[in-house]
Amino acid sequence: AMKAATEEDWRTEYLDAILSVRVV
Protein backbone atom coordinates (compact mmCIF):
# COMPACT_ATOMS: atom_id res chain seq x y z
CA ALA A 1 0.00 0.00 0.00
CA MET A 2 3.02 2.32 0.27
CA LYS A 3 3.55 4.85 -2.45
CA ALA A 4 6.89 4.78 -4.23
CA ALA A 5 9.47 7.08 -2.65
CA THR A 6 11.52 9.35 -4.88
CA GLU A 7 14.99 10.76 -4.34
CA GLU A 8 13.33 14.01 -3.28
CA ASP A 9 11.47 12.26 -0.45
CA TRP A 10 14.72 11.44 1.33
CA ARG A 11 15.57 15.15 1.27
CA THR A 12 12.18 16.48 2.40
CA GLU A 13 11.03 17.81 5.76
CA TYR A 14 7.32 17.10 5.38
CA LEU A 15 5.95 18.67 8.58
CA ASP A 16 2.88 16.72 7.57
CA ALA A 17 1.24 13.28 7.72
CA ILE A 18 3.81 11.74 5.36
CA LEU A 19 6.69 9.40 6.21
CA SER A 20 9.39 8.00 3.95
CA VAL A 21 10.53 4.44 4.65
CA ARG A 22 13.69 2.64 3.52
CA VAL A 23 14.93 -0.89 4.17
CA VAL A 24 18.71 -0.94 4.72
PDBML (XML) file of the C-alpha atoms, coordinates in Angstrom:
<?xml version="1.0" encoding="UTF-8" ?>
<PDBx:datablock datablockName="MODEL"
   xmlns:PDBx="http://pdbml.pdb.org/schema/pdbx-v50.xsd"
   xmlns:xsi="http://www.w3.org/2001/XMLSchema-instance"
   xsi:schemaLocation="http://pdbml.pdb.org/schema/pdbx-v50.xsd pdbx-v50.xsd">
   <PDBx:atom_siteCategory>
      <PDBx:atom_site id="1">
         <PDBx:B_iso_or_equiv>0.00</PDBx:B_iso_or_equiv>
         <PDBx:Cartn_x>0.000</PDBx:Cartn_x>
         <PDBx:Cartn_y>0.000</PDBx:Cartn_y>
         <PDBx:Cartn_z>0.000</PDBx:Cartn_z>
         <PDBx:auth_asym_id>A</PDBx:auth_asym_id>
         <PDBx:auth_atom_id>CA</PDBx:auth_atom_id>
         <PDBx:auth_comp_id>ALA</PDBx:auth_comp_id>
         <PDBx:auth_seq_id>1</PDBx:auth_seq_id>
         <PDBx:group_PDB>ATOM</PDBx:group_PDB>
         <PDBx:label_alt_id xsi:nil="true" />
         <PDBx:label_asym_id>A</PDBx:label_asym_id>
         <PDBx:label_atom_id>CA</PDBx:label_atom_id>
         <PDBx:label_comp_id>ALA</PDBx:label_comp_id>
         <PDBx:label_entity_id>1</PDBx:label_entity_id>
         <PDBx:label_seq_id>1</PDBx:label_seq_id>
         <PDBx:occupancy>1.00</PDBx:occupancy>
         <PDBx:pdbx_PDB_model_num>1</PDBx:pdbx_PDB_model_num>
         <PDBx:type_symbol>C</PDBx:type_symbol>
      </PDBx:atom_site>
      <PDBx:atom_site id="2">
         <PDBx:B_iso_or_equiv>0.00</PDBx:B_iso_or_equiv>
         <PDBx:Cartn_x>3.020</PDBx:Cartn_x>
         <PDBx:Cartn_y>2.317</PDBx:Cartn_y>
         <PDBx:Cartn_z>0.275</PDBx:Cartn_z>
         <PDBx:auth_asym_id>A</PDBx:auth_asym_id>
         <PDBx:auth_atom_id>CA</PDBx:auth_atom_id>
         <PDBx:auth_comp_id>MET</PDBx:auth_comp_id>
         <PDBx:auth_seq_id>2</PDBx:auth_seq_id>
         <PDBx:group_PDB>ATOM</PDBx:group_PDB>
         <PDBx:label_alt_id xsi:nil="true" />
         <PDBx:label_asym_id>A</PDBx:label_asym_id>
         <PDBx:label_atom_id>CA</PDBx:label_atom_id>
         <PDBx:label_comp_id>MET</PDBx:label_comp_id>
         <PDBx:label_entity_id>1</PDBx:label_entity_id>
         <PDBx:label_seq_id>2</PDBx:label_seq_id>
         <PDBx:occupancy>1.00</PDBx:occupancy>
         <PDBx:pdbx_PDB_model_num>1</PDBx:pdbx_PDB_model_num>
         <PDBx:type_symbol>C</PDBx:type_symbol>
      </PDBx:atom_site>
      <PDBx:atom_site id="3">
         <PDBx:B_iso_or_equiv>0.00</PDBx:B_iso_or_equiv>
         <PDBx:Cartn_x>3.546</PDBx:Cartn_x>
         <PDBx:Cartn_y>4.854</PDBx:Cartn_y>
         <PDBx:Cartn_z>-2.454</PDBx:Cartn_z>
         <PDBx:auth_asym_id>A</PDBx:auth_asym_id>
         <PDBx:auth_atom_id>CA</PDBx:auth_atom_id>
         <PDBx:auth_comp_id>LYS</PDBx:auth_comp_id>
         <PDBx:auth_seq_id>3</PDBx:auth_seq_id>
         <PDBx:group_PDB>ATOM</PDBx:group_PDB>
         <PDBx:label_alt_id xsi:nil="true" />
         <PDBx:label_asym_id>A</PDBx:label_asym_id>
         <PDBx:label_atom_id>CA</PDBx:label_atom_id>
         <PDBx:label_comp_id>LYS</PDBx:label_comp_id>
         <PDBx:label_entity_id>1</PDBx:label_entity_id>
         <PDBx:label_seq_id>3</PDBx:label_seq_id>
         <PDBx:occupancy>1.00</PDBx:occupancy>
         <PDBx:pdbx_PDB_model_num>1</PDBx:pdbx_PDB_model_num>
         <PDBx:type_symbol>C</PDBx:type_symbol>
      </PDBx:atom_site>
      <PDBx:atom_site id="4">
         <PDBx:B_iso_or_equiv>0.00</PDBx:B_iso_or_equiv>
         <PDBx:Cartn_x>6.894</PDBx:Cartn_x>
         <PDBx:Cartn_y>4.784</PDBx:Cartn_y>
         <PDBx:Cartn_z>-4.228</PDBx:Cartn_z>
         <PDBx:auth_asym_id>A</PDBx:auth_asym_id>
         <PDBx:auth_atom_id>CA</PDBx:auth_atom_id>
         <PDBx:auth_comp_id>ALA</PDBx:auth_comp_id>
         <PDBx:auth_seq_id>4</PDBx:auth_seq_id>
         <PDBx:group_PDB>ATOM</PDBx:group_PDB>
         <PDBx:label_alt_id xsi:nil="true" />
         <PDBx:label_asym_id>A</PDBx:label_asym_id>
         <PDBx:label_atom_id>CA</PDBx:label_atom_id>
         <PDBx:label_comp_id>ALA</PDBx:label_comp_id>
         <PDBx:label_entity_id>1</PDBx:label_entity_id>
         <PDBx:label_seq_id>4</PDBx:label_seq_id>
         <PDBx:occupancy>1.00</PDBx:occupancy>
         <PDBx:pdbx_PDB_model_num>1</PDBx:pdbx_PDB_model_num>
         <PDBx:type_symbol>C</PDBx:type_symbol>
      </PDBx:atom_site>
      <PDBx:atom_site id="5">
         <PDBx:B_iso_or_equiv>0.00</PDBx:B_iso_or_equiv>
         <PDBx:Cartn_x>9.472</PDBx:Cartn_x>
         <PDBx:Cartn_y>7.079</PDBx:Cartn_y>
         <PDBx:Cartn_z>-2.655</PDBx:Cartn_z>
         <PDBx:auth_asym_id>A</PDBx:auth_asym_id>
         <PDBx:auth_atom_id>CA</PDBx:auth_atom_id>
         <PDBx:auth_comp_id>ALA</PDBx:auth_comp_id>
         <PDBx:auth_seq_id>5</PDBx:auth_seq_id>
         <PDBx:group_PDB>ATOM</PDBx:group_PDB>
         <PDBx:label_alt_id xsi:nil="true" />
         <PDBx:label_asym_id>A</PDBx:label_asym_id>
         <PDBx:label_atom_id>CA</PDBx:label_atom_id>
         <PDBx:label_comp_id>ALA</PDBx:label_comp_id>
         <PDBx:label_entity_id>1</PDBx:label_entity_id>
         <PDBx:label_seq_id>5</PDBx:label_seq_id>
         <PDBx:occupancy>1.00</PDBx:occupancy>
         <PDBx:pdbx_PDB_model_num>1</PDBx:pdbx_PDB_model_num>
         <PDBx:type_symbol>C</PDBx:type_symbol>
      </PDBx:atom_site>
      <PDBx:atom_site id="6">
         <PDBx:B_iso_or_equiv>0.00</PDBx:B_iso_or_equiv>
         <PDBx:Cartn_x>11.517</PDBx:Cartn_x>
         <PDBx:Cartn_y>9.352</PDBx:Cartn_y>
         <PDBx:Cartn_z>-4.884</PDBx:Cartn_z>
         <PDBx:auth_asym_id>A</PDBx:auth_asym_id>
         <PDBx:auth_atom_id>CA</PDBx:auth_atom_id>
         <PDBx:auth_comp_id>THR</PDBx:auth_comp_id>
         <PDBx:auth_seq_id>6</PDBx:auth_seq_id>
         <PDBx:group_PDB>ATOM</PDBx:group_PDB>
         <PDBx:label_alt_id xsi:nil="true" />
         <PDBx:label_asym_id>A</PDBx:label_asym_id>
         <PDBx:label_atom_id>CA</PDBx:label_atom_id>
         <PDBx:label_comp_id>THR</PDBx:label_comp_id>
         <PDBx:label_entity_id>1</PDBx:label_entity_id>
         <PDBx:label_seq_id>6</PDBx:label_seq_id>
         <PDBx:occupancy>1.00</PDBx:occupancy>
         <PDBx:pdbx_PDB_model_num>1</PDBx:pdbx_PDB_model_num>
         <PDBx:type_symbol>C</PDBx:type_symbol>
      </PDBx:atom_site>
      <PDBx:atom_site id="7">
         <PDBx:B_iso_or_equiv>0.00</PDBx:B_iso_or_equiv>
         <PDBx:Cartn_x>14.994</PDBx:Cartn_x>
         <PDBx:Cartn_y>10.756</PDBx:Cartn_y>
         <PDBx:Cartn_z>-4.345</PDBx:Cartn_z>
         <PDBx:auth_asym_id>A</PDBx:auth_asym_id>
         <PDBx:auth_atom_id>CA</PDBx:auth_atom_id>
         <PDBx:auth_comp_id>GLU</PDBx:auth_comp_id>
         <PDBx:auth_seq_id>7</PDBx:auth_seq_id>
         <PDBx:group_PDB>ATOM</PDBx:group_PDB>
         <PDBx:label_alt_id xsi:nil="true" />
         <PDBx:label_asym_id>A</PDBx:label_asym_id>
         <PDBx:label_atom_id>CA</PDBx:label_atom_id>
         <PDBx:label_comp_id>GLU</PDBx:label_comp_id>
         <PDBx:label_entity_id>1</PDBx:label_entity_id>
         <PDBx:label_seq_id>7</PDBx:label_seq_id>
         <PDBx:occupancy>1.00</PDBx:occupancy>
         <PDBx:pdbx_PDB_model_num>1</PDBx:pdbx_PDB_model_num>
         <PDBx:type_symbol>C</PDBx:type_symbol>
      </PDBx:atom_site>
      <PDBx:atom_site id="8">
         <PDBx:B_iso_or_equiv>0.00</PDBx:B_iso_or_equiv>
         <PDBx:Cartn_x>13.329</PDBx:Cartn_x>
         <PDBx:Cartn_y>14.011</PDBx:Cartn_y>
         <PDBx:Cartn_z>-3.277</PDBx:Cartn_z>
         <PDBx:auth_asym_id>A</PDBx:auth_asym_id>
         <PDBx:auth_atom_id>CA</PDBx:auth_atom_id>
         <PDBx:auth_comp_id>GLU</PDBx:auth_comp_id>
         <PDBx:auth_seq_id>8</PDBx:auth_seq_id>
         <PDBx:group_PDB>ATOM</PDBx:group_PDB>
         <PDBx:label_alt_id xsi:nil="true" />
         <PDBx:label_asym_id>A</PDBx:label_asym_id>
         <PDBx:label_atom_id>CA</PDBx:label_atom_id>
         <PDBx:label_comp_id>GLU</PDBx:label_comp_id>
         <PDBx:label_entity_id>1</PDBx:label_entity_id>
         <PDBx:label_seq_id>8</PDBx:label_seq_id>
         <PDBx:occupancy>1.00</PDBx:occupancy>
         <PDBx:pdbx_PDB_model_num>1</PDBx:pdbx_PDB_model_num>
         <PDBx:type_symbol>C</PDBx:type_symbol>
      </PDBx:atom_site>
      <PDBx:atom_site id="9">
         <PDBx:B_iso_or_equiv>0.00</PDBx:B_iso_or_equiv>
         <PDBx:Cartn_x>11.471</PDBx:Cartn_x>
         <PDBx:Cartn_y>12.259</PDBx:Cartn_y>
         <PDBx:Cartn_z>-0.449</PDBx:Cartn_z>
         <PDBx:auth_asym_id>A</PDBx:auth_asym_id>
         <PDBx:auth_atom_id>CA</PDBx:auth_atom_id>
         <PDBx:auth_comp_id>ASP</PDBx:auth_comp_id>
         <PDBx:auth_seq_id>9</PDBx:auth_seq_id>
         <PDBx:group_PDB>ATOM</PDBx:group_PDB>
         <PDBx:label_alt_id xsi:nil="true" />
         <PDBx:label_asym_id>A</PDBx:label_asym_id>
         <PDBx:label_atom_id>CA</PDBx:label_atom_id>
         <PDBx:label_comp_id>ASP</PDBx:label_comp_id>
         <PDBx:label_entity_id>1</PDBx:label_entity_id>
         <PDBx:label_seq_id>9</PDBx:label_seq_id>
         <PDBx:occupancy>1.00</PDBx:occupancy>
         <PDBx:pdbx_PDB_model_num>1</PDBx:pdbx_PDB_model_num>
         <PDBx:type_symbol>C</PDBx:type_symbol>
      </PDBx:atom_site>
      <PDBx:atom_site id="10">
         <PDBx:B_iso_or_equiv>0.00</PDBx:B_iso_or_equiv>
         <PDBx:Cartn_x>14.720</PDBx:Cartn_x>
         <PDBx:Cartn_y>11.443</PDBx:Cartn_y>
         <PDBx:Cartn_z>1.330</PDBx:Cartn_z>
         <PDBx:auth_asym_id>A</PDBx:auth_asym_id>
         <PDBx:auth_atom_id>CA</PDBx:auth_atom_id>
         <PDBx:auth_comp_id>TRP</PDBx:auth_comp_id>
         <PDBx:auth_seq_id>10</PDBx:auth_seq_id>
         <PDBx:group_PDB>ATOM</PDBx:group_PDB>
         <PDBx:label_alt_id xsi:nil="true" />
         <PDBx:label_asym_id>A</PDBx:label_asym_id>
         <PDBx:label_atom_id>CA</PDBx:label_atom_id>
         <PDBx:label_comp_id>TRP</PDBx:label_comp_id>
         <PDBx:label_entity_id>1</PDBx:label_entity_id>
         <PDBx:label_seq_id>10</PDBx:label_seq_id>
         <PDBx:occupancy>1.00</PDBx:occupancy>
         <PDBx:pdbx_PDB_model_num>1</PDBx:pdbx_PDB_model_num>
         <PDBx:type_symbol>C</PDBx:type_symbol>
      </PDBx:atom_site>
      <PDBx:atom_site id="11">
         <PDBx:B_iso_or_equiv>0.00</PDBx:B_iso_or_equiv>
         <PDBx:Cartn_x>15.571</PDBx:Cartn_x>
         <PDBx:Cartn_y>15.154</PDBx:Cartn_y>
         <PDBx:Cartn_z>1.267</PDBx:Cartn_z>
         <PDBx:auth_asym_id>A</PDBx:auth_asym_id>
         <PDBx:auth_atom_id>CA</PDBx:auth_atom_id>
         <PDBx:auth_comp_id>ARG</PDBx:auth_comp_id>
         <PDBx:auth_seq_id>11</PDBx:auth_seq_id>
         <PDBx:group_PDB>ATOM</PDBx:group_PDB>
         <PDBx:label_alt_id xsi:nil="true" />
         <PDBx:label_asym_id>A</PDBx:label_asym_id>
         <PDBx:label_atom_id>CA</PDBx:label_atom_id>
         <PDBx:label_comp_id>ARG</PDBx:label_comp_id>
         <PDBx:label_entity_id>1</PDBx:label_entity_id>
         <PDBx:label_seq_id>11</PDBx:label_seq_id>
         <PDBx:occupancy>1.00</PDBx:occupancy>
         <PDBx:pdbx_PDB_model_num>1</PDBx:pdbx_PDB_model_num>
         <PDBx:type_symbol>C</PDBx:type_symbol>
      </PDBx:atom_site>
      <PDBx:atom_site id="12">
         <PDBx:B_iso_or_equiv>0.00</PDBx:B_iso_or_equiv>
         <PDBx:Cartn_x>12.176</PDBx:Cartn_x>
         <PDBx:Cartn_y>16.478</PDBx:Cartn_y>
         <PDBx:Cartn_z>2.401</PDBx:Cartn_z>
         <PDBx:auth_asym_id>A</PDBx:auth_asym_id>
         <PDBx:auth_atom_id>CA</PDBx:auth_atom_id>
         <PDBx:auth_comp_id>THR</PDBx:auth_comp_id>
         <PDBx:auth_seq_id>12</PDBx:auth_seq_id>
         <PDBx:group_PDB>ATOM</PDBx:group_PDB>
         <PDBx:label_alt_id xsi:nil="true" />
         <PDBx:label_asym_id>A</PDBx:label_asym_id>
         <PDBx:label_atom_id>CA</PDBx:label_atom_id>
         <PDBx:label_comp_id>THR</PDBx:label_comp_id>
         <PDBx:label_entity_id>1</PDBx:label_entity_id>
         <PDBx:label_seq_id>12</PDBx:label_seq_id>
         <PDBx:occupancy>1.00</PDBx:occupancy>
         <PDBx:pdbx_PDB_model_num>1</PDBx:pdbx_PDB_model_num>
         <PDBx:type_symbol>C</PDBx:type_symbol>
      </PDBx:atom_site>
      <PDBx:atom_site id="13">
         <PDBx:B_iso_or_equiv>0.00</PDBx:B_iso_or_equiv>
         <PDBx:Cartn_x>11.027</PDBx:Cartn_x>
         <PDBx:Cartn_y>17.810</PDBx:Cartn_y>
         <PDBx:Cartn_z>5.759</PDBx:Cartn_z>
         <PDBx:auth_asym_id>A</PDBx:auth_asym_id>
         <PDBx:auth_atom_id>CA</PDBx:auth_atom_id>
         <PDBx:auth_comp_id>GLU</PDBx:auth_comp_id>
         <PDBx:auth_seq_id>13</PDBx:auth_seq_id>
         <PDBx:group_PDB>ATOM</PDBx:group_PDB>
         <PDBx:label_alt_id xsi:nil="true" />
         <PDBx:label_asym_id>A</PDBx:label_asym_id>
         <PDBx:label_atom_id>CA</PDBx:label_atom_id>
         <PDBx:label_comp_id>GLU</PDBx:label_comp_id>
         <PDBx:label_entity_id>1</PDBx:label_entity_id>
         <PDBx:label_seq_id>13</PDBx:label_seq_id>
         <PDBx:occupancy>1.00</PDBx:occupancy>
         <PDBx:pdbx_PDB_model_num>1</PDBx:pdbx_PDB_model_num>
         <PDBx:type_symbol>C</PDBx:type_symbol>
      </PDBx:atom_site>
      <PDBx:atom_site id="14">
         <PDBx:B_iso_or_equiv>0.00</PDBx:B_iso_or_equiv>
         <PDBx:Cartn_x>7.321</PDBx:Cartn_x>
         <PDBx:Cartn_y>17.105</PDBx:Cartn_y>
         <PDBx:Cartn_z>5.383</PDBx:Cartn_z>
         <PDBx:auth_asym_id>A</PDBx:auth_asym_id>
         <PDBx:auth_atom_id>CA</PDBx:auth_atom_id>
         <PDBx:auth_comp_id>TYR</PDBx:auth_comp_id>
         <PDBx:auth_seq_id>14</PDBx:auth_seq_id>
         <PDBx:group_PDB>ATOM</PDBx:group_PDB>
         <PDBx:label_alt_id xsi:nil="true" />
         <PDBx:label_asym_id>A</PDBx:label_asym_id>
         <PDBx:label_atom_id>CA</PDBx:label_atom_id>
         <PDBx:label_comp_id>TYR</PDBx:label_comp_id>
         <PDBx:label_entity_id>1</PDBx:label_entity_id>
         <PDBx:label_seq_id>14</PDBx:label_seq_id>
         <PDBx:occupancy>1.00</PDBx:occupancy>
         <PDBx:pdbx_PDB_model_num>1</PDBx:pdbx_PDB_model_num>
         <PDBx:type_symbol>C</PDBx:type_symbol>
      </PDBx:atom_site>
      <PDBx:atom_site id="15">
         <PDBx:B_iso_or_equiv>0.00</PDBx:B_iso_or_equiv>
         <PDBx:Cartn_x>5.947</PDBx:Cartn_x>
         <PDBx:Cartn_y>18.667</PDBx:Cartn_y>
         <PDBx:Cartn_z>8.583</PDBx:Cartn_z>
         <PDBx:auth_asym_id>A</PDBx:auth_asym_id>
         <PDBx:auth_atom_id>CA</PDBx:auth_atom_id>
         <PDBx:auth_comp_id>LEU</PDBx:auth_comp_id>
         <PDBx:auth_seq_id>15</PDBx:auth_seq_id>
         <PDBx:group_PDB>ATOM</PDBx:group_PDB>
         <PDBx:label_alt_id xsi:nil="true" />
         <PDBx:label_asym_id>A</PDBx:label_asym_id>
         <PDBx:label_atom_id>CA</PDBx:label_atom_id>
         <PDBx:label_comp_id>LEU</PDBx:label_comp_id>
         <PDBx:label_entity_id>1</PDBx:label_entity_id>
         <PDBx:label_seq_id>15</PDBx:label_seq_id>
         <PDBx:occupancy>1.00</PDBx:occupancy>
         <PDBx:pdbx_PDB_model_num>1</PDBx:pdbx_PDB_model_num>
         <PDBx:type_symbol>C</PDBx:type_symbol>
      </PDBx:atom_site>
      <PDBx:atom_site id="16">
         <PDBx:B_iso_or_equiv>0.00</PDBx:B_iso_or_equiv>
         <PDBx:Cartn_x>2.883</PDBx:Cartn_x>
         <PDBx:Cartn_y>16.717</PDBx:Cartn_y>
         <PDBx:Cartn_z>7.568</PDBx:Cartn_z>
         <PDBx:auth_asym_id>A</PDBx:auth_asym_id>
         <PDBx:auth_atom_id>CA</PDBx:auth_atom_id>
         <PDBx:auth_comp_id>ASP</PDBx:auth_comp_id>
         <PDBx:auth_seq_id>16</PDBx:auth_seq_id>
         <PDBx:group_PDB>ATOM</PDBx:group_PDB>
         <PDBx:label_alt_id xsi:nil="true" />
         <PDBx:label_asym_id>A</PDBx:label_asym_id>
         <PDBx:label_atom_id>CA</PDBx:label_atom_id>
         <PDBx:label_comp_id>ASP</PDBx:label_comp_id>
         <PDBx:label_entity_id>1</PDBx:label_entity_id>
         <PDBx:label_seq_id>16</PDBx:label_seq_id>
         <PDBx:occupancy>1.00</PDBx:occupancy>
         <PDBx:pdbx_PDB_model_num>1</PDBx:pdbx_PDB_model_num>
         <PDBx:type_symbol>C</PDBx:type_symbol>
      </PDBx:atom_site>
      <PDBx:atom_site id="17">
         <PDBx:B_iso_or_equiv>0.00</PDBx:B_iso_or_equiv>
         <PDBx:Cartn_x>1.241</PDBx:Cartn_x>
         <PDBx:Cartn_y>13.281</PDBx:Cartn_y>
         <PDBx:Cartn_z>7.722</PDBx:Cartn_z>
         <PDBx:auth_asym_id>A</PDBx:auth_asym_id>
         <PDBx:auth_atom_id>CA</PDBx:auth_atom_id>
         <PDBx:auth_comp_id>ALA</PDBx:auth_comp_id>
         <PDBx:auth_seq_id>17</PDBx:auth_seq_id>
         <PDBx:group_PDB>ATOM</PDBx:group_PDB>
         <PDBx:label_alt_id xsi:nil="true" />
         <PDBx:label_asym_id>A</PDBx:label_asym_id>
         <PDBx:label_atom_id>CA</PDBx:label_atom_id>
         <PDBx:label_comp_id>ALA</PDBx:label_comp_id>
         <PDBx:label_entity_id>1</PDBx:label_entity_id>
         <PDBx:label_seq_id>17</PDBx:label_seq_id>
         <PDBx:occupancy>1.00</PDBx:occupancy>
         <PDBx:pdbx_PDB_model_num>1</PDBx:pdbx_PDB_model_num>
         <PDBx:type_symbol>C</PDBx:type_symbol>
      </PDBx:atom_site>
      <PDBx:atom_site id="18">
         <PDBx:B_iso_or_equiv>0.00</PDBx:B_iso_or_equiv>
         <PDBx:Cartn_x>3.812</PDBx:Cartn_x>
         <PDBx:Cartn_y>11.738</PDBx:Cartn_y>
         <PDBx:Cartn_z>5.362</PDBx:Cartn_z>
         <PDBx:auth_asym_id>A</PDBx:auth_asym_id>
         <PDBx:auth_atom_id>CA</PDBx:auth_atom_id>
         <PDBx:auth_comp_id>ILE</PDBx:auth_comp_id>
         <PDBx:auth_seq_id>18</PDBx:auth_seq_id>
         <PDBx:group_PDB>ATOM</PDBx:group_PDB>
         <PDBx:label_alt_id xsi:nil="true" />
         <PDBx:label_asym_id>A</PDBx:label_asym_id>
         <PDBx:label_atom_id>CA</PDBx:label_atom_id>
         <PDBx:label_comp_id>ILE</PDBx:label_comp_id>
         <PDBx:label_entity_id>1</PDBx:label_entity_id>
         <PDBx:label_seq_id>18</PDBx:label_seq_id>
         <PDBx:occupancy>1.00</PDBx:occupancy>
         <PDBx:pdbx_PDB_model_num>1</PDBx:pdbx_PDB_model_num>
         <PDBx:type_symbol>C</PDBx:type_symbol>
      </PDBx:atom_site>
      <PDBx:atom_site id="19">
         <PDBx:B_iso_or_equiv>0.00</PDBx:B_iso_or_equiv>
         <PDBx:Cartn_x>6.686</PDBx:Cartn_x>
         <PDBx:Cartn_y>9.400</PDBx:Cartn_y>
         <PDBx:Cartn_z>6.206</PDBx:Cartn_z>
         <PDBx:auth_asym_id>A</PDBx:auth_asym_id>
         <PDBx:auth_atom_id>CA</PDBx:auth_atom_id>
         <PDBx:auth_comp_id>LEU</PDBx:auth_comp_id>
         <PDBx:auth_seq_id>19</PDBx:auth_seq_id>
         <PDBx:group_PDB>ATOM</PDBx:group_PDB>
         <PDBx:label_alt_id xsi:nil="true" />
         <PDBx:label_asym_id>A</PDBx:label_asym_id>
         <PDBx:label_atom_id>CA</PDBx:label_atom_id>
         <PDBx:label_comp_id>LEU</PDBx:label_comp_id>
         <PDBx:label_entity_id>1</PDBx:label_entity_id>
         <PDBx:label_seq_id>19</PDBx:label_seq_id>
         <PDBx:occupancy>1.00</PDBx:occupancy>
         <PDBx:pdbx_PDB_model_num>1</PDBx:pdbx_PDB_model_num>
         <PDBx:type_symbol>C</PDBx:type_symbol>
      </PDBx:atom_site>
      <PDBx:atom_site id="20">
         <PDBx:B_iso_or_equiv>0.00</PDBx:B_iso_or_equiv>
         <PDBx:Cartn_x>9.393</PDBx:Cartn_x>
         <PDBx:Cartn_y>8.001</PDBx:Cartn_y>
         <PDBx:Cartn_z>3.946</PDBx:Cartn_z>
         <PDBx:auth_asym_id>A</PDBx:auth_asym_id>
         <PDBx:auth_atom_id>CA</PDBx:auth_atom_id>
         <PDBx:auth_comp_id>SER</PDBx:auth_comp_id>
         <PDBx:auth_seq_id>20</PDBx:auth_seq_id>
         <PDBx:group_PDB>ATOM</PDBx:group_PDB>
         <PDBx:label_alt_id xsi:nil="true" />
         <PDBx:label_asym_id>A</PDBx:label_asym_id>
         <PDBx:label_atom_id>CA</PDBx:label_atom_id>
         <PDBx:label_comp_id>SER</PDBx:label_comp_id>
         <PDBx:label_entity_id>1</PDBx:label_entity_id>
         <PDBx:label_seq_id>20</PDBx:label_seq_id>
         <PDBx:occupancy>1.00</PDBx:occupancy>
         <PDBx:pdbx_PDB_model_num>1</PDBx:pdbx_PDB_model_num>
         <PDBx:type_symbol>C</PDBx:type_symbol>
      </PDBx:atom_site>
      <PDBx:atom_site id="21">
         <PDBx:B_iso_or_equiv>0.00</PDBx:B_iso_or_equiv>
         <PDBx:Cartn_x>10.532</PDBx:Cartn_x>
         <PDBx:Cartn_y>4.440</PDBx:Cartn_y>
         <PDBx:Cartn_z>4.648</PDBx:Cartn_z>
         <PDBx:auth_asym_id>A</PDBx:auth_asym_id>
         <PDBx:auth_atom_id>CA</PDBx:auth_atom_id>
         <PDBx:auth_comp_id>VAL</PDBx:auth_comp_id>
         <PDBx:auth_seq_id>21</PDBx:auth_seq_id>
         <PDBx:group_PDB>ATOM</PDBx:group_PDB>
         <PDBx:label_alt_id xsi:nil="true" />
         <PDBx:label_asym_id>A</PDBx:label_asym_id>
         <PDBx:label_atom_id>CA</PDBx:label_atom_id>
         <PDBx:label_comp_id>VAL</PDBx:label_comp_id>
         <PDBx:label_entity_id>1</PDBx:label_entity_id>
         <PDBx:label_seq_id>21</PDBx:label_seq_id>
         <PDBx:occupancy>1.00</PDBx:occupancy>
         <PDBx:pdbx_PDB_model_num>1</PDBx:pdbx_PDB_model_num>
         <PDBx:type_symbol>C</PDBx:type_symbol>
      </PDBx:atom_site>
      <PDBx:atom_site id="22">
         <PDBx:B_iso_or_equiv>0.00</PDBx:B_iso_or_equiv>
         <PDBx:Cartn_x>13.690</PDBx:Cartn_x>
         <PDBx:Cartn_y>2.637</PDBx:Cartn_y>
         <PDBx:Cartn_z>3.518</PDBx:Cartn_z>
         <PDBx:auth_asym_id>A</PDBx:auth_asym_id>
         <PDBx:auth_atom_id>CA</PDBx:auth_atom_id>
         <PDBx:auth_comp_id>ARG</PDBx:auth_comp_id>
         <PDBx:auth_seq_id>22</PDBx:auth_seq_id>
         <PDBx:group_PDB>ATOM</PDBx:group_PDB>
         <PDBx:label_alt_id xsi:nil="true" />
         <PDBx:label_asym_id>A</PDBx:label_asym_id>
         <PDBx:label_atom_id>CA</PDBx:label_atom_id>
         <PDBx:label_comp_id>ARG</PDBx:label_comp_id>
         <PDBx:label_entity_id>1</PDBx:label_entity_id>
         <PDBx:label_seq_id>22</PDBx:label_seq_id>
         <PDBx:occupancy>1.00</PDBx:occupancy>
         <PDBx:pdbx_PDB_model_num>1</PDBx:pdbx_PDB_model_num>
         <PDBx:type_symbol>C</PDBx:type_symbol>
      </PDBx:atom_site>
      <PDBx:atom_site id="23">
         <PDBx:B_iso_or_equiv>0.00</PDBx:B_iso_or_equiv>
         <PDBx:Cartn_x>14.925</PDBx:Cartn_x>
         <PDBx:Cartn_y>-0.889</PDBx:Cartn_y>
         <PDBx:Cartn_z>4.167</PDBx:Cartn_z>
         <PDBx:auth_asym_id>A</PDBx:auth_asym_id>
         <PDBx:auth_atom_id>CA</PDBx:auth_atom_id>
         <PDBx:auth_comp_id>VAL</PDBx:auth_comp_id>
         <PDBx:auth_seq_id>23</PDBx:auth_seq_id>
         <PDBx:group_PDB>ATOM</PDBx:group_PDB>
         <PDBx:label_alt_id xsi:nil="true" />
         <PDBx:label_asym_id>A</PDBx:label_asym_id>
         <PDBx:label_atom_id>CA</PDBx:label_atom_id>
         <PDBx:label_comp_id>VAL</PDBx:label_comp_id>
         <PDBx:label_entity_id>1</PDBx:label_entity_id>
         <PDBx:label_seq_id>23</PDBx:label_seq_id>
         <PDBx:occupancy>1.00</PDBx:occupancy>
         <PDBx:pdbx_PDB_model_num>1</PDBx:pdbx_PDB_model_num>
         <PDBx:type_symbol>C</PDBx:type_symbol>
      </PDBx:atom_site>
      <PDBx:atom_site id="24">
         <PDBx:B_iso_or_equiv>0.00</PDBx:B_iso_or_equiv>
         <PDBx:Cartn_x>18.706</PDBx:Cartn_x>
         <PDBx:Cartn_y>-0.940</PDBx:Cartn_y>
         <PDBx:Cartn_z>4.720</PDBx:Cartn_z>
         <PDBx:auth_asym_id>A</PDBx:auth_asym_id>
         <PDBx:auth_atom_id>CA</PDBx:auth_atom_id>
         <PDBx:auth_comp_id>VAL</PDBx:auth_comp_id>
         <PDBx:auth_seq_id>24</PDBx:auth_seq_id>
         <PDBx:group_PDB>ATOM</PDBx:group_PDB>
         <PDBx:label_alt_id xsi:nil="true" />
         <PDBx:label_asym_id>A</PDBx:label_asym_id>
         <PDBx:label_atom_id>CA</PDBx:label_atom_id>
         <PDBx:label_comp_id>VAL</PDBx:label_comp_id>
         <PDBx:label_entity_id>1</PDBx:label_entity_id>
         <PDBx:label_seq_id>24</PDBx:label_seq_id>
         <PDBx:occupancy>1.00</PDBx:occupancy>
         <PDBx:pdbx_PDB_model_num>1</PDBx:pdbx_PDB_model_num>
         <PDBx:type_symbol>C</PDBx:type_symbol>
      </PDBx:atom_site>
   </PDBx:atom_siteCategory>
</PDBx:datablock>
